[in-house]
């Protein structure tokens, strides 16, 4: 699962992409990143942080462009999301929406098929 990492004000955040088969949609997850296992310390260029538990997930349908993307908020704890991180997350979601709609348009299918 590809992930993008970003630091903001001393905290690490991660956005992870994966396909949610039951939803026929791409899931774009925002989480605070967690330190990678110490076993990776000896590996050159290994990532130092990994995605944690997602607290925001955008579902981007790719089978029917008539379906709207939606953002779900998860968690029992309050999460403060800095504005810069929220903008970064939403830019990645918007890029995923555009990719899915472009791919659907190139497939020659009609909405609702």
PDB file of N, CA and C in Angstrom:
ATOM      1  N   UNK A   1       0.833  -1.178   0.000  1.00  0.00           N
ATOM      2  CA  UNK A   1       0.000   0.000   0.000  1.00  0.00           C
ATOM      3  C   UNK A   1       0.880   1.244   0.000  1.00  0.00           C
ATOM      4  N   UNK A   2       0.833   1.995  -1.066  1.00  0.00           N
ATOM      5  CA  UNK A   2       1.664   3.200  -1.092  1.00  0.00           C
ATOM      6  C   UNK A   2       1.200   4.212  -0.046  1.00  0.00           C
ATOM      7  N   UNK A   3       2.156   4.930   0.501  1.00  0.00           N
ATOM      8  CA  UNK A   3       1.835   5.964   1.489  1.00  0.00           C
ATOM      9  C   UNK A   3       2.730   7.164   1.248  1.00  0.00           C
ATOM     10  N   UNK A   4       2.204   8.324   1.583  1.00  0.00           N
ATOM     11  CA  UNK A   4       2.976   9.555   1.539  1.00  0.00           C
ATOM     12  C   UNK A   4       3.065  10.070   2.968  1.00  0.00           C
ATOM     13  N   UNK A   5       4.229  10.595   3.318  1.00  0.00           N
ATOM     14  CA  UNK A   5       4.468  11.096   4.671  1.00  0.00           C
ATOM     15  C   UNK A   5       4.753  12.585   4.624  1.00  0.00           C
ATOM     16  N   UNK A   6       4.340  13.275   5.681  1.00  0.00           N
ATOM     17  CA  UNK A   6       4.619  14.709   5.779  1.00  0.00           C
ATOM     18  C   UNK A   6       4.752  15.070   7.257  1.00  0.00           C
ATOM     19  N   UNK A   7       5.731  15.931   7.545  1.00  0.00           N
ATOM     20  CA  UNK A   7       5.948  16.432   8.906  1.00  0.00           C
ATOM     21  C   UNK A   7       5.334  17.819   9.002  1.00  0.00           C
ATOM     22  N   UNK A   8       4.706  18.087  10.130  1.00  0.00           N
ATOM     23  CA  UNK A   8       4.163  19.419  10.384  1.00  0.00           C
ATOM     24  C   UNK A   8       4.253  19.692  11.885  1.00  0.00           C
ATOM     25  N   UNK A   9       4.926  20.764  12.239  1.00  0.00           N
ATOM     26  CA  UNK A   9       5.057  21.195  13.636  1.00  0.00           C
ATOM     27  C   UNK A   9       5.538  20.060  14.541  1.00  0.00           C
ATOM     28  N   UNK A  10       6.514  19.291  14.042  1.00  0.00           N
ATOM     29  CA  UNK A  10       7.105  18.229  14.847  1.00  0.00           C
ATOM     30  C   UNK A  10       6.322  16.927  14.879  1.00  0.00           C
ATOM     31  N   UNK A  11       5.204  16.848  14.187  1.00  0.00           N
ATOM     32  CA  UNK A  11       4.409  15.618  14.133  1.00  0.00           C
ATOM     33  C   UNK A  11       4.463  15.063  12.717  1.00  0.00           C
ATOM     34  N   UNK A  12       4.394  13.763  12.626  1.00  0.00           N
ATOM     35  CA  UNK A  12       4.418  13.076  11.340  1.00  0.00           C
ATOM     36  C   UNK A  12       3.000  12.636  10.977  1.00  0.00           C
ATOM     37  N   UNK A  13       2.627  12.848   9.732  1.00  0.00           N
ATOM     38  CA  UNK A  13       1.323  12.434   9.220  1.00  0.00           C
ATOM     39  C   UNK A  13       1.537  11.552   8.007  1.00  0.00           C
ATOM     40  N   UNK A  14       0.565  10.675   7.746  1.00  0.00           N
ATOM     41  CA  UNK A  14       0.659   9.767   6.608  1.00  0.00           C
ATOM     42  C   UNK A  14      -0.668   9.742   5.862  1.00  0.00           C
ATOM     43  N   UNK A  15      -0.575   9.627   4.557  1.00  0.00           N
ATOM     44  CA  UNK A  15      -1.731   9.367   3.712  1.00  0.00           C
ATOM     45  C   UNK A  15      -1.435   8.066   2.981  1.00  0.00           C
ATOM     46  N   UNK A  16      -2.364   7.132   3.125  1.00  0.00           N
ATOM     47  CA  UNK A  16      -2.214   5.801   2.517  1.00  0.00           C
ATOM     48  C   UNK A  16      -3.364   5.589   1.535  1.00  0.00           C
ATOM     49  N   UNK A  17      -3.068   4.937   0.419  1.00  0.00           N
ATOM     50  CA  UNK A  17      -4.053   4.636  -0.615  1.00  0.00           C
ATOM     51  C   UNK A  17      -4.232   3.121  -0.696  1.00  0.00           C
ATOM     52  N   UNK A  18      -5.472   2.675  -0.768  1.00  0.00           N
ATOM     53  CA  UNK A  18      -5.728   1.255  -1.039  1.00  0.00           C
ATOM     54  C   UNK A  18      -7.122   1.112  -1.630  1.00  0.00           C
ATOM     55  N   UNK A  19      -7.363  -0.011  -2.256  1.00  0.00           N
ATOM     56  CA  UNK A  19      -8.669  -0.230  -2.869  1.00  0.00           C
ATOM     57  C   UNK A  19      -9.585  -0.921  -1.877  1.00  0.00           C
ATOM     58  N   UNK A  20     -10.763  -0.342  -1.662  1.00  0.00           N
ATOM     59  CA  UNK A  20     -11.773  -0.912  -0.763  1.00  0.00           C
ATOM     60  C   UNK A  20     -12.779  -1.661  -1.638  1.00  0.00           C
ATOM     61  N   UNK A  21     -12.539  -2.943  -1.830  1.00  0.00           N
ATOM     62  CA  UNK A  21     -13.351  -3.746  -2.745  1.00  0.00           C
ATOM     63  C   UNK A  21     -14.844  -3.715  -2.412  1.00  0.00           C
ATOM     64  N   UNK A  22     -15.243  -3.845  -1.149  1.00  0.00           N
ATOM     65  CA  UNK A  22     -16.693  -3.826  -0.867  1.00  0.00           C
ATOM     66  C   UNK A  22     -17.370  -2.519  -1.281  1.00  0.00           C
ATOM     67  N   UNK A  23     -16.617  -1.433  -1.318  1.00  0.00           N
ATOM     68  CA  UNK A  23     -17.174  -0.126  -1.665  1.00  0.00           C
ATOM     69  C   UNK A  23     -16.962   0.234  -3.138  1.00  0.00           C
ATOM     70  N   UNK A  24     -16.253  -0.619  -3.884  1.00  0.00           N
ATOM     71  CA  UNK A  24     -15.871  -0.284  -5.266  1.00  0.00           C
ATOM     72  C   UNK A  24     -15.306   1.119  -5.323  1.00  0.00           C
ATOM     73  N   UNK A  25     -14.354   1.381  -4.430  1.00  0.00           N
ATOM     74  CA  UNK A  25     -13.803   2.733  -4.324  1.00  0.00           C
ATOM     75  C   UNK A  25     -12.372   2.670  -3.814  1.00  0.00           C
ATOM     76  N   UNK A  26     -11.632   3.707  -4.168  1.00  0.00           N
ATOM     77  CA  UNK A  26     -10.310   3.894  -3.579  1.00  0.00           C
ATOM     78  C   UNK A  26     -10.477   4.546  -2.219  1.00  0.00           C
ATOM     79  N   UNK A  27      -9.742   4.069  -1.256  1.00  0.00           N
ATOM     80  CA  UNK A  27      -9.738   4.670   0.080  1.00  0.00           C
ATOM     81  C   UNK A  27      -8.443   5.460   0.226  1.00  0.00           C
ATOM     82  N   UNK A  28      -8.583   6.703   0.640  1.00  0.00           N
ATOM     83  CA  UNK A  28      -7.439   7.576   0.894  1.00  0.00           C
ATOM     84  C   UNK A  28      -7.506   7.882   2.385  1.00  0.00           C
ATOM     85  N   UNK A  29      -6.536   7.364   3.140  1.00  0.00           N
ATOM     86  CA  UNK A  29      -6.586   7.429   4.606  1.00  0.00           C
ATOM     87  C   UNK A  29      -5.570   8.423   5.161  1.00  0.00           C
ATOM     88  N   UNK A  30      -6.016   9.242   6.103  1.00  0.00           N
ATOM     89  CA  UNK A  30      -5.133  10.163   6.820  1.00  0.00           C
ATOM     90  C   UNK A  30      -4.937   9.644   8.230  1.00  0.00           C
ATOM     91  N   UNK A  31      -3.674   9.615   8.673  1.00  0.00           N
ATOM     92  CA  UNK A  31      -3.353   9.179  10.030  1.00  0.00           C
ATOM     93  C   UNK A  31      -2.119   9.924  10.520  1.00  0.00           C
ATOM     94  N   UNK A  32      -1.894   9.840  11.816  1.00  0.00           N
ATOM     95  CA  UNK A  32      -0.593  10.254  12.323  1.00  0.00           C
ATOM     96  C   UNK A  32       0.332   9.081  12.072  1.00  0.00           C
ATOM     97  N   UNK A  33       1.518   9.368  11.620  1.00  0.00           N
ATOM     98  CA  UNK A  33       2.488   8.312  11.358  1.00  0.00           C
ATOM     99  C   UNK A  33       3.113   7.866  12.674  1.00  0.00           C
ATOM    100  N   UNK A  34       3.478   6.598  12.713  1.00  0.00           N
ATOM    101  CA  UNK A  34       4.109   6.018  13.902  1.00  0.00           C
ATOM    102  C   UNK A  34       5.534   5.606  13.546  1.00  0.00           C
ATOM    103  N   UNK A  35       6.418   5.579  14.531  1.00  0.00           N
ATOM    104  CA  UNK A  35       7.793   5.164  14.237  1.00  0.00           C
ATOM    105  C   UNK A  35       7.843   3.736  13.687  1.00  0.00           C
ATOM    106  N   UNK A  36       8.693   3.554  12.697  1.00  0.00           N
ATOM    107  CA  UNK A  36       8.904   2.221  12.129  1.00  0.00           C
ATOM    108  C   UNK A  36       9.629   1.354  13.148  1.00  0.00           C
ATOM    109  N   UNK A  37       9.479   0.028  13.048  1.00  0.00           N
ATOM    110  CA  UNK A  37      10.180  -0.860  13.973  1.00  0.00           C
ATOM    111  C   UNK A  37      11.694  -0.629  13.950  1.00  0.00           C
ATOM    112  N   UNK A  38      12.309  -0.760  15.100  1.00  0.00           N
ATOM    113  CA  UNK A  38      13.754  -0.537  15.235  1.00  0.00           C
ATOM    114  C   UNK A  38      14.558  -1.476  14.344  1.00  0.00           C
ATOM    115  N   UNK A  39      13.999  -2.601  13.963  1.00  0.00           N
ATOM    116  CA  UNK A  39      14.712  -3.552  13.105  1.00  0.00           C
ATOM    117  C   UNK A  39      15.086  -2.923  11.765  1.00  0.00           C
ATOM    118  N   UNK A  40      14.417  -1.856  11.376  1.00  0.00           N
ATOM    119  CA  UNK A  40      14.709  -1.198  10.103  1.00  0.00           C
ATOM    120  C   UNK A  40      15.850  -0.201  10.212  1.00  0.00           C
ATOM    121  N   UNK A  41      16.341   0.051  11.409  1.00  0.00           N
ATOM    122  CA  UNK A  41      17.366   1.074  11.614  1.00  0.00           C
ATOM    123  C   UNK A  41      18.642   0.810  10.805  1.00  0.00           C
ATOM    124  N   UNK A  42      18.965  -0.445  10.559  1.00  0.00           N
ATOM    125  CA  UNK A  42      20.186  -0.788   9.832  1.00  0.00           C
ATOM    126  C   UNK A  42      20.006  -0.783   8.313  1.00  0.00           C
ATOM    127  N   UNK A  43      18.782  -0.566   7.843  1.00  0.00           N
ATOM    128  CA  UNK A  43      18.516  -0.598   6.411  1.00  0.00           C
ATOM    129  C   UNK A  43      18.668   0.816   5.855  1.00  0.00           C
ATOM    130  N   UNK A  44      19.612   1.002   4.936  1.00  0.00           N
ATOM    131  CA  UNK A  44      19.788   2.342   4.350  1.00  0.00           C
ATOM    132  C   UNK A  44      18.512   2.789   3.618  1.00  0.00           C
ATOM    133  N   UNK A  45      18.184   4.040   3.753  1.00  0.00           N
ATOM    134  CA  UNK A  45      17.034   4.657   3.078  1.00  0.00           C
ATOM    135  C   UNK A  45      15.683   4.060   3.477  1.00  0.00           C
ATOM    136  N   UNK A  46      15.626   3.301   4.550  1.00  0.00           N
ATOM    137  CA  UNK A  46      14.344   2.760   5.013  1.00  0.00           C
ATOM    138  C   UNK A  46      13.509   3.897   5.596  1.00  0.00           C
ATOM    139  N   UNK A  47      12.205   3.792   5.434  1.00  0.00           N
ATOM    140  CA  UNK A  47      11.340   4.814   6.002  1.00  0.00           C
ATOM    141  C   UNK A  47      11.401   4.729   7.525  1.00  0.00           C
ATOM    142  N   UNK A  48      11.330   5.862   8.155  1.00  0.00           N
ATOM    143  CA  UNK A  48      11.424   5.932   9.621  1.00  0.00           C
ATOM    144  C   UNK A  48      10.056   5.994  10.285  1.00  0.00           C
ATOM    145  N   UNK A  49       9.012   6.246   9.471  1.00  0.00           N
ATOM    146  CA  UNK A  49       7.650   6.285   9.992  1.00  0.00           C
ATOM    147  C   UNK A  49       6.727   5.520   9.058  1.00  0.00           C
ATOM    148  N   UNK A  50       5.682   4.950   9.632  1.00  0.00           N
ATOM    149  CA  UNK A  50       4.673   4.203   8.883  1.00  0.00           C
ATOM    150  C   UNK A  50       3.299   4.774   9.210  1.00  0.00           C
ATOM    151  N   UNK A  51       2.316   4.578   8.327  1.00  0.00           N
ATOM    152  CA  UNK A  51       0.972   5.055   8.645  1.00  0.00           C
ATOM    153  C   UNK A  51       0.443   4.401   9.923  1.00  0.00           C
ATOM    154  N   UNK A  52      -0.261   5.191  10.717  1.00  0.00           N
ATOM    155  CA  UNK A  52      -0.911   4.663  11.915  1.00  0.00           C
ATOM    156  C   UNK A  52      -2.370   4.354  11.613  1.00  0.00           C
ATOM    157  N   UNK A  53      -3.202   4.315  12.653  1.00  0.00           N
ATOM    158  CA  UNK A  53      -4.627   4.077  12.470  1.00  0.00           C
ATOM    159  C   UNK A  53      -5.266   5.312  11.840  1.00  0.00           C
ATOM    160  N   UNK A  54      -6.015   5.096  10.783  1.00  0.00           N
ATOM    161  CA  UNK A  54      -6.638   6.206  10.059  1.00  0.00           C
ATOM    162  C   UNK A  54      -7.720   6.859  10.909  1.00  0.00           C
ATOM    163  N   UNK A  55      -7.736   8.200  10.888  1.00  0.00           N
ATOM    164  CA  UNK A  55      -8.829   8.905  11.552  1.00  0.00           C
ATOM    165  C   UNK A  55      -9.699   9.660  10.557  1.00  0.00           C
ATOM    166  N   UNK A  56      -9.272   9.732   9.305  1.00  0.00           N
ATOM    167  CA  UNK A  56     -10.099  10.257   8.216  1.00  0.00           C
ATOM    168  C   UNK A  56      -9.870   9.359   7.006  1.00  0.00           C
ATOM    169  N   UNK A  57     -10.975   8.993   6.352  1.00  0.00           N
ATOM    170  CA  UNK A  57     -10.877   8.166   5.148  1.00  0.00           C
ATOM    171  C   UNK A  57     -11.802   8.753   4.091  1.00  0.00           C
ATOM    172  N   UNK A  58     -11.240   9.061   2.939  1.00  0.00           N
ATOM    173  CA  UNK A  58     -12.034   9.491   1.790  1.00  0.00           C
ATOM    174  C   UNK A  58     -12.231   8.280   0.892  1.00  0.00           C
ATOM    175  N   UNK A  59     -13.477   8.011   0.517  1.00  0.00           N
ATOM    176  CA  UNK A  59     -13.784   6.943  -0.419  1.00  0.00           C
ATOM    177  C   UNK A  59     -14.081   7.578  -1.765  1.00  0.00           C
ATOM    178  N   UNK A  60     -13.320   7.157  -2.775  1.00  0.00           N
ATOM    179  CA  UNK A  60     -13.432   7.718  -4.119  1.00  0.00           C
ATOM    180  C   UNK A  60     -13.916   6.598  -5.045  1.00  0.00           C
ATOM    181  N   UNK A  61     -15.217   6.603  -5.395  1.00  0.00           N
ATOM    182  CA  UNK A  61     -15.743   5.557  -6.274  1.00  0.00           C
ATOM    183  C   UNK A  61     -15.074   5.607  -7.644  1.00  0.00           C
ATOM    184  N   UNK A  62     -14.771   4.432  -8.183  1.00  0.00           N
ATOM    185  CA  UNK A  62     -14.149   4.406  -9.507  1.00  0.00           C
ATOM    186  C   UNK A  62     -14.963   3.611 -10.515  1.00  0.00           C
ATOM    187  N   UNK A  63     -16.091   3.066 -10.096  1.00  0.00           N
ATOM    188  CA  UNK A  63     -16.931   2.290 -11.005  1.00  0.00           C
ATOM    189  C   UNK A  63     -18.081   3.109 -11.564  1.00  0.00           C
ATOM    190  N   UNK A  64     -18.463   4.177 -10.864  1.00  0.00           N
ATOM    191  CA  UNK A  64     -19.588   4.999 -11.293  1.00  0.00           C
ATOM    192  C   UNK A  64     -19.291   6.453 -10.948  1.00  0.00           C
ATOM    193  N   UNK A  65     -18.965   7.278 -11.948  1.00  0.00           N
ATOM    194  CA  UNK A  65     -18.628   8.670 -11.653  1.00  0.00           C
ATOM    195  C   UNK A  65     -19.821   9.472 -11.135  1.00  0.00           C
ATOM    196  N   UNK A  66     -21.023   8.896 -11.197  1.00  0.00           N
ATOM    197  CA  UNK A  66     -22.192   9.553 -10.642  1.00  0.00           C
ATOM    198  C   UNK A  66     -22.219   9.502  -9.126  1.00  0.00           C
ATOM    199  N   UNK A  67     -21.445   8.596  -8.545  1.00  0.00           N
ATOM    200  CA  UNK A  67     -21.364   8.506  -7.086  1.00  0.00           C
ATOM    201  C   UNK A  67     -20.377   9.548  -6.580  1.00  0.00           C
ATOM    202  N   UNK A  68     -20.742  10.226  -5.537  1.00  0.00           N
ATOM    203  CA  UNK A  68     -19.900  11.274  -4.970  1.00  0.00           C
ATOM    204  C   UNK A  68     -18.844  10.689  -4.030  1.00  0.00           C
ATOM    205  N   UNK A  69     -17.628  11.203  -4.086  1.00  0.00           N
ATOM    206  CA  UNK A  69     -16.650  10.851  -3.060  1.00  0.00           C
ATOM    207  C   UNK A  69     -17.152  11.343  -1.705  1.00  0.00           C
ATOM    208  N   UNK A  70     -16.757  10.666  -0.645  1.00  0.00           N
ATOM    209  CA  UNK A  70     -17.192  11.046   0.696  1.00  0.00           C
ATOM    210  C   UNK A  70     -16.045  10.860   1.675  1.00  0.00           C
ATOM    211  N   UNK A  71     -16.008  11.716   2.682  1.00  0.00           N
ATOM    212  CA  UNK A  71     -14.983  11.627   3.728  1.00  0.00           C
ATOM    213  C   UNK A  71     -15.652  11.131   5.012  1.00  0.00           C
ATOM    214  N   UNK A  72     -15.076  10.086   5.591  1.00  0.00           N
ATOM    215  CA  UNK A  72     -15.554   9.525   6.847  1.00  0.00           C
ATOM    216  C   UNK A  72     -14.552   9.884   7.942  1.00  0.00           C
ATOM    217  N   UNK A  73     -15.060  10.246   9.112  1.00  0.00           N
ATOM    218  CA  UNK A  73     -14.204  10.586  10.248  1.00  0.00           C
ATOM    219  C   UNK A  73     -14.326   9.456  11.259  1.00  0.00           C
ATOM    220  N   UNK A  74     -13.177   8.924  11.684  1.00  0.00           N
ATOM    221  CA  UNK A  74     -13.150   7.777  12.591  1.00  0.00           C
ATOM    222  C   UNK A  74     -12.465   8.147  13.898  1.00  0.00           C
ATOM    223  N   UNK A  75     -12.743   7.364  14.904  1.00  0.00           N
ATOM    224  CA  UNK A  75     -11.976   7.474  16.140  1.00  0.00           C
ATOM    225  C   UNK A  75     -12.814   7.836  17.343  1.00  0.00           C
ATOM    226  N   UNK A  76     -12.311   7.403  18.476  1.00  0.00           N
ATOM    227  CA  UNK A  76     -12.952   7.698  19.748  1.00  0.00           C
ATOM    228  C   UNK A  76     -12.337   8.936  20.378  1.00  0.00           C
ATOM    229  N   UNK A  77     -11.120   9.249  19.969  1.00  0.00           N
ATOM    230  CA  UNK A  77     -10.422  10.405  20.522  1.00  0.00           C
ATOM    231  C   UNK A  77     -10.570  11.592  19.586  1.00  0.00           C
ATOM    232  N   UNK A  78     -10.403  12.753  20.132  1.00  0.00           N
ATOM    233  CA  UNK A  78     -10.408  13.958  19.321  1.00  0.00           C
ATOM    234  C   UNK A  78      -9.075  14.059  18.591  1.00  0.00           C
ATOM    235  N   UNK A  79      -9.129  14.401  17.328  1.00  0.00           N
ATOM    236  CA  UNK A  79      -7.918  14.616  16.544  1.00  0.00           C
ATOM    237  C   UNK A  79      -7.940  16.040  16.031  1.00  0.00           C
ATOM    238  N   UNK A  80      -6.876  16.763  16.281  1.00  0.00           N
ATOM    239  CA  UNK A  80      -6.725  18.101  15.744  1.00  0.00           C
ATOM    240  C   UNK A  80      -5.893  17.961  14.474  1.00  0.00           C
ATOM    241  N   UNK A  81      -6.460  18.401  13.369  1.00  0.00           N
ATOM    242  CA  UNK A  81      -5.771  18.298  12.087  1.00  0.00           C
ATOM    243  C   UNK A  81      -5.362  19.706  11.666  1.00  0.00           C
ATOM    244  N   UNK A  82      -4.068  19.966  11.607  1.00  0.00           N
ATOM    245  CA  UNK A  82      -3.617  21.293  11.172  1.00  0.00           C
ATOM    246  C   UNK A  82      -4.129  21.605   9.763  1.00  0.00           C
ATOM    247  N   UNK A  83      -4.392  22.864   9.530  1.00  0.00           N
ATOM    248  CA  UNK A  83      -4.920  23.316   8.243  1.00  0.00           C
ATOM    249  C   UNK A  83      -4.040  22.857   7.080  1.00  0.00           C
ATOM    250  N   UNK A  84      -2.737  23.003   7.210  1.00  0.00           N
ATOM    251  CA  UNK A  84      -1.813  22.607   6.138  1.00  0.00           C
ATOM    252  C   UNK A  84      -1.936  21.117   5.821  1.00  0.00           C
ATOM    253  N   UNK A  85      -2.111  20.288   6.852  1.00  0.00           N
ATOM    254  CA  UNK A  85      -2.247  18.844   6.651  1.00  0.00           C
ATOM    255  C   UNK A  85      -3.596  18.526   6.010  1.00  0.00           C
ATOM    256  N   UNK A  86      -4.643  19.223   6.432  1.00  0.00           N
ATOM    257  CA  UNK A  86      -5.964  19.000   5.827  1.00  0.00           C
ATOM    258  C   UNK A  86      -5.930  19.379   4.348  1.00  0.00           C
ATOM    259  N   UNK A  87      -5.285  20.485   4.001  1.00  0.00           N
ATOM    260  CA  UNK A  87      -5.168  20.880   2.591  1.00  0.00           C
ATOM    261  C   UNK A  87      -4.394  19.834   1.797  1.00  0.00           C
ATOM    262  N   UNK A  88      -3.302  19.344   2.357  1.00  0.00           N
ATOM    263  CA  UNK A  88      -2.495  18.304   1.700  1.00  0.00           C
ATOM    264  C   UNK A  88      -3.351  17.055   1.455  1.00  0.00           C
ATOM    265  N   UNK A  89      -4.073  16.610   2.480  1.00  0.00           N
ATOM    266  CA  UNK A  89      -4.934  15.438   2.364  1.00  0.00           C
ATOM    267  C   UNK A  89      -5.988  15.651   1.270  1.00  0.00           C
ATOM    268  N   UNK A  90      -6.662  16.787   1.294  1.00  0.00           N
ATOM    269  CA  UNK A  90      -7.723  17.041   0.318  1.00  0.00           C
ATOM    270  C   UNK A  90      -7.168  17.194  -1.094  1.00  0.00           C
ATOM    271  N   UNK A  91      -5.940  17.705  -1.244  1.00  0.00           N
ATOM    272  CA  UNK A  91      -5.309  17.747  -2.569  1.00  0.00           C
ATOM    273  C   UNK A  91      -5.092  16.339  -3.100  1.00  0.00           C
ATOM    274  N   UNK A  92      -4.641  15.433  -2.225  1.00  0.00           N
ATOM    275  CA  UNK A  92      -4.424  14.046  -2.640  1.00  0.00           C
ATOM    276  C   UNK A  92      -5.751  13.366  -2.975  1.00  0.00           C
ATOM    277  N   UNK A  93      -6.799  13.676  -2.210  1.00  0.00           N
ATOM    278  CA  UNK A  93      -8.128  13.138  -2.505  1.00  0.00           C
ATOM    279  C   UNK A  93      -8.598  13.677  -3.862  1.00  0.00           C
ATOM    280  N   UNK A  94      -8.457  14.973  -4.091  1.00  0.00           N
ATOM    281  CA  UNK A  94      -8.882  15.567  -5.361  1.00  0.00           C
ATOM    282  C   UNK A  94      -8.126  14.953  -6.537  1.00  0.00           C
ATOM    283  N   UNK A  95      -6.835  14.694  -6.364  1.00  0.00           N
ATOM    284  CA  UNK A  95      -6.047  14.044  -7.419  1.00  0.00           C
ATOM    285  C   UNK A  95      -6.581  12.647  -7.701  1.00  0.00           C
ATOM    286  N   UNK A  96      -6.951  11.908  -6.658  1.00  0.00           N
ATOM    287  CA  UNK A  96      -7.486  10.556  -6.827  1.00  0.00           C
ATOM    288  C   UNK A  96      -8.842  10.606  -7.533  1.00  0.00           C
ATOM    289  N   UNK A  97      -9.684  11.582  -7.184  1.00  0.00           N
ATOM    290  CA  UNK A  97     -10.975  11.748  -7.864  1.00  0.00           C
ATOM    291  C   UNK A  97     -10.734  11.990  -9.354  1.00  0.00           C
ATOM    292  N   UNK A  98      -9.814  12.868  -9.666  1.00  0.00           N
ATOM    293  CA  UNK A  98      -9.527  13.183 -11.069  1.00  0.00           C
ATOM    294  C   UNK A  98      -9.013  11.949 -11.815  1.00  0.00           C
ATOM    295  N   UNK A  99      -8.103  11.184 -11.192  1.00  0.00           N
ATOM    296  CA  UNK A  99      -7.583   9.963 -11.842  1.00  0.00           C
ATOM    297  C   UNK A  99      -8.710   8.974 -12.118  1.00  0.00           C
ATOM    298  N   UNK A 100      -9.595   8.781 -11.133  1.00  0.00           N
ATOM    299  CA  UNK A 100     -10.688   7.818 -11.303  1.00  0.00           C
ATOM    300  C   UNK A 100     -11.656   8.269 -12.389  1.00  0.00           C
ATOM    301  N   UNK A 101     -11.981   9.543 -12.409  1.00  0.00           N
ATOM    302  CA  UNK A 101     -12.916  10.044 -13.417  1.00  0.00           C
ATOM    303  C   UNK A 101     -12.294  10.013 -14.812  1.00  0.00           C
ATOM    304  N   UNK A 102     -11.013  10.306 -14.906  1.00  0.00           N
ATOM    305  CA  UNK A 102     -10.330  10.231 -16.200  1.00  0.00           C
ATOM    306  C   UNK A 102     -10.316   8.792 -16.700  1.00  0.00           C
ATOM    307  N   UNK A 103      -9.968   7.851 -15.819  1.00  0.00           N
ATOM    308  CA  UNK A 103      -9.920   6.442 -16.209  1.00  0.00           C
ATOM    309  C   UNK A 103     -11.302   5.957 -16.634  1.00  0.00           C
ATOM    310  N   UNK A 104     -12.325   6.366 -15.899  1.00  0.00           N
ATOM    311  CA  UNK A 104     -13.681   5.958 -16.257  1.00  0.00           C
ATOM    312  C   UNK A 104     -14.053   6.527 -17.626  1.00  0.00           C
ATOM    313  N   UNK A 105     -13.724   7.794 -17.865  1.00  0.00           N
ATOM    314  CA  UNK A 105     -14.031   8.416 -19.147  1.00  0.00           C
ATOM    315  C   UNK A 105     -13.331   7.724 -20.303  1.00  0.00           C
ATOM    316  N   UNK A 106     -12.120   7.252 -20.067  1.00  0.00           N
ATOM    317  CA  UNK A 106     -11.357   6.571 -21.111  1.00  0.00           C
ATOM    318  C   UNK A 106     -11.868   5.149 -21.365  1.00  0.00           C
ATOM    319  N   UNK A 107     -12.627   4.615 -20.393  1.00  0.00           N
ATOM    320  CA  UNK A 107     -13.130   3.240 -20.544  1.00  0.00           C
ATOM    321  C   UNK A 107     -14.290   3.169 -21.523  1.00  0.00           C
ATOM    322  N   UNK A 108     -14.942   4.319 -21.797  1.00  0.00           N
ATOM    323  CA  UNK A 108     -16.073   4.330 -22.722  1.00  0.00           C
ATOM    324  C   UNK A 108     -17.380   3.871 -22.100  1.00  0.00           C
ATOM    325  N   UNK A 109     -17.384   3.585 -20.801  1.00  0.00           N
ATOM    326  CA  UNK A 109     -18.615   3.171 -20.123  1.00  0.00           C
ATOM    327  C   UNK A 109     -19.457   4.395 -19.773  1.00  0.00           C
ATOM    328  N   UNK A 110     -20.734   4.160 -19.535  1.00  0.00           N
ATOM    329  CA  UNK A 110     -21.653   5.199 -19.110  1.00  0.00           C
ATOM    330  C   UNK A 110     -21.856   5.099 -17.601  1.00  0.00           C
ATOM    331  N   UNK A 111     -22.147   6.217 -16.940  1.00  0.00           N
ATOM    332  CA  UNK A 111     -22.446   6.205 -15.509  1.00  0.00           C
ATOM    333  C   UNK A 111     -23.616   5.278 -15.247  1.00  0.00           C
ATOM    334  N   UNK A 112     -23.502   4.495 -14.179  1.00  0.00           N
ATOM    335  CA  UNK A 112     -24.561   3.582 -13.767  1.00  0.00           C
ATOM    336  C   UNK A 112     -24.486   2.211 -14.411  1.00  0.00           C
ATOM    337  N   UNK A 113     -23.514   1.988 -15.315  1.00  0.00           N
ATOM    338  CA  UNK A 113     -23.378   0.662 -15.949  1.00  0.00           C
ATOM    339  C   UNK A 113     -22.878  -0.360 -14.975  1.00  0.00           C
TER     340      UNK A 113
END
